[in-house]
Amino acid sequence: MPCASVAALVEARGAAVLSTGPMSYERVVRDQSFCELETTTAPAYVPSADIRQCFAGYRCRPIERGEGRSD
């Protein structure tokens, strides 16, 4: 799938589980509202048909000590 299609899918659905390799997957979200309360977001780059590191959206990650949620 081309990068633009991957990003459009995440944007339209709000969240998607994407294959990032032969046996690996990653949940990618449109924004912070698709993450749990004790998490924040970080950019998610995944391989696509046309770009090796396609910006697909964000991944949810735990908040580190001293870091606030970015709402």
C-alpha atoms as a PDB file:
ATOM      1  CA  MET A   1       0.000   0.000   0.000  1.00  0.00           C
ATOM      2  CA  PRO A   2       1.436   3.458  -0.866  1.00  0.00           C
ATOM      3  CA  CYS A   3       2.338   5.812   2.006  1.00  0.00           C
ATOM      4  CA  ALA A   4      -0.487   8.252   1.248  1.00  0.00           C
ATOM      5  CA  SER A   5      -3.017   5.394   1.452  1.00  0.00           C
ATOM      6  CA  VAL A   6      -1.617   4.172   4.775  1.00  0.00           C
ATOM      7  CA  ALA A   7      -1.845   7.670   6.282  1.00  0.00           C
ATOM      8  CA  ALA A   8      -5.360   8.162   4.853  1.00  0.00           C
ATOM      9  CA  LEU A   9      -6.528   4.861   6.366  1.00  0.00           C
ATOM     10  CA  VAL A  10      -5.314   5.847   9.846  1.00  0.00           C
ATOM     11  CA  GLU A  11      -6.808   9.336   9.479  1.00  0.00           C
ATOM     12  CA  ALA A  12     -10.202   7.992   8.360  1.00  0.00           C
ATOM     13  CA  ARG A  13     -10.517   5.218  10.955  1.00  0.00           C
ATOM     14  CA  GLY A  14      -8.753   6.916  13.850  1.00  0.00           C
ATOM     15  CA  ALA A  15      -6.687   3.814  14.575  1.00  0.00           C
ATOM     16  CA  ALA A  16      -5.409   0.814  12.638  1.00  0.00           C
ATOM     17  CA  VAL A  17      -3.211  -2.201  13.264  1.00  0.00           C
ATOM     18  CA  LEU A  18      -0.545  -2.213  10.557  1.00  0.00           C
ATOM     19  CA  SER A  19       1.892  -4.912   9.572  1.00  0.00           C
ATOM     20  CA  THR A  20       5.436  -3.618  10.048  1.00  0.00           C
ATOM     21  CA  GLY A  21       7.235  -6.809   9.013  1.00  0.00           C
ATOM     22  CA  PRO A  22       6.708 -10.492   8.261  1.00  0.00           C
ATOM     23  CA  MET A  23       5.536 -11.272  11.806  1.00  0.00           C
ATOM     24  CA  SER A  24       5.201  -7.865  13.489  1.00  0.00           C
ATOM     25  CA  TYR A  25       2.333  -5.434  13.884  1.00  0.00           C
ATOM     26  CA  GLU A  26       1.866  -1.992  15.357  1.00  0.00           C
ATOM     27  CA  ARG A  27      -1.248  -0.055  16.354  1.00  0.00           C
ATOM     28  CA  VAL A  28      -1.145   3.410  14.810  1.00  0.00           C
ATOM     29  CA  VAL A  29      -3.527   6.197  15.840  1.00  0.00           C
ATOM     30  CA  ARG A  30      -4.659   9.506  14.377  1.00  0.00           C
ATOM     31  CA  ASP A  31      -4.216  11.455  17.621  1.00  0.00           C
ATOM     32  CA  GLN A  32      -3.991  11.322  21.425  1.00  0.00           C
ATOM     33  CA  SER A  33      -7.727  10.689  21.826  1.00  0.00           C
ATOM     34  CA  PHE A  34      -7.204   7.090  20.637  1.00  0.00           C
ATOM     35  CA  CYS A  35      -4.713   6.352  23.447  1.00  0.00           C
ATOM     36  CA  GLU A  36      -5.365   5.335  27.051  1.00  0.00           C
ATOM     37  CA  LEU A  37      -5.156   7.932  29.834  1.00  0.00           C
ATOM     38  CA  GLU A  38      -1.690   7.067  31.101  1.00  0.00           C
ATOM     39  CA  THR A  39      -0.105   7.256  27.647  1.00  0.00           C
ATOM     40  CA  THR A  40       1.083   9.881  25.198  1.00  0.00           C
ATOM     41  CA  THR A  41       1.910   9.763  21.495  1.00  0.00           C
ATOM     42  CA  ALA A  42       5.087   9.369  19.478  1.00  0.00           C
ATOM     43  CA  PRO A  43       5.431   9.508  15.678  1.00  0.00           C
ATOM     44  CA  ALA A  44       4.931   6.134  13.973  1.00  0.00           C
ATOM     45  CA  TYR A  45       6.936   5.386  10.839  1.00  0.00           C
ATOM     46  CA  VAL A  46       6.126   2.157   9.007  1.00  0.00           C
ATOM     47  CA  PRO A  47       7.321   0.626   5.741  1.00  0.00           C
ATOM     48  CA  SER A  48       4.987   1.205   2.788  1.00  0.00           C
ATOM     49  CA  ALA A  49       5.040   0.160  -0.860  1.00  0.00           C
ATOM     50  CA  ASP A  50       6.733   3.389  -1.948  1.00  0.00           C
ATOM     51  CA  ILE A  51       8.515   4.776   1.136  1.00  0.00           C
ATOM     52  CA  ARG A  52      10.697   2.838   3.551  1.00  0.00           C
ATOM     53  CA  GLN A  53       9.786   5.023   6.536  1.00  0.00           C
ATOM     54  CA  CYS A  54       6.274   6.336   5.930  1.00  0.00           C
ATOM     55  CA  PHE A  55       4.783   8.649   8.582  1.00  0.00           C
ATOM     56  CA  ALA A  56       1.507   6.835   9.253  1.00  0.00           C
ATOM     57  CA  GLY A  57       0.343   8.676  12.376  1.00  0.00           C
ATOM     58  CA  TYR A  58       1.239   8.093  16.003  1.00  0.00           C
ATOM     59  CA  ARG A  59       1.741   5.213  18.390  1.00  0.00           C
ATOM     60  CA  CYS A  60       0.642   5.287  22.006  1.00  0.00           C
ATOM     61  CA  ARG A  61       3.442   4.982  24.529  1.00  0.00           C
ATOM     62  CA  PRO A  62       3.667   5.139  28.321  1.00  0.00           C
ATOM     63  CA  ILE A  63       4.285   8.551  29.850  1.00  0.00           C
ATOM     64  CA  GLU A  64       7.799   8.744  31.277  1.00  0.00           C
ATOM     65  CA  ARG A  65       8.445  10.101  34.752  1.00  0.00           C
ATOM     66  CA  GLY A  66       8.287  13.918  34.758  1.00  0.00           C
ATOM     67  CA  GLU A  67       6.553  14.028  31.370  1.00  0.00           C
ATOM     68  CA  GLY A  68       3.013  15.358  31.060  1.00  0.00           C
ATOM     69  CA  ARG A  69       0.274  14.264  28.690  1.00  0.00           C
ATOM     70  CA  SER A  70       0.168  16.466  25.575  1.00  0.00           C
ATOM     71  CA  ASP A  71      -3.585  17.162  25.173  1.00  0.00           C
END
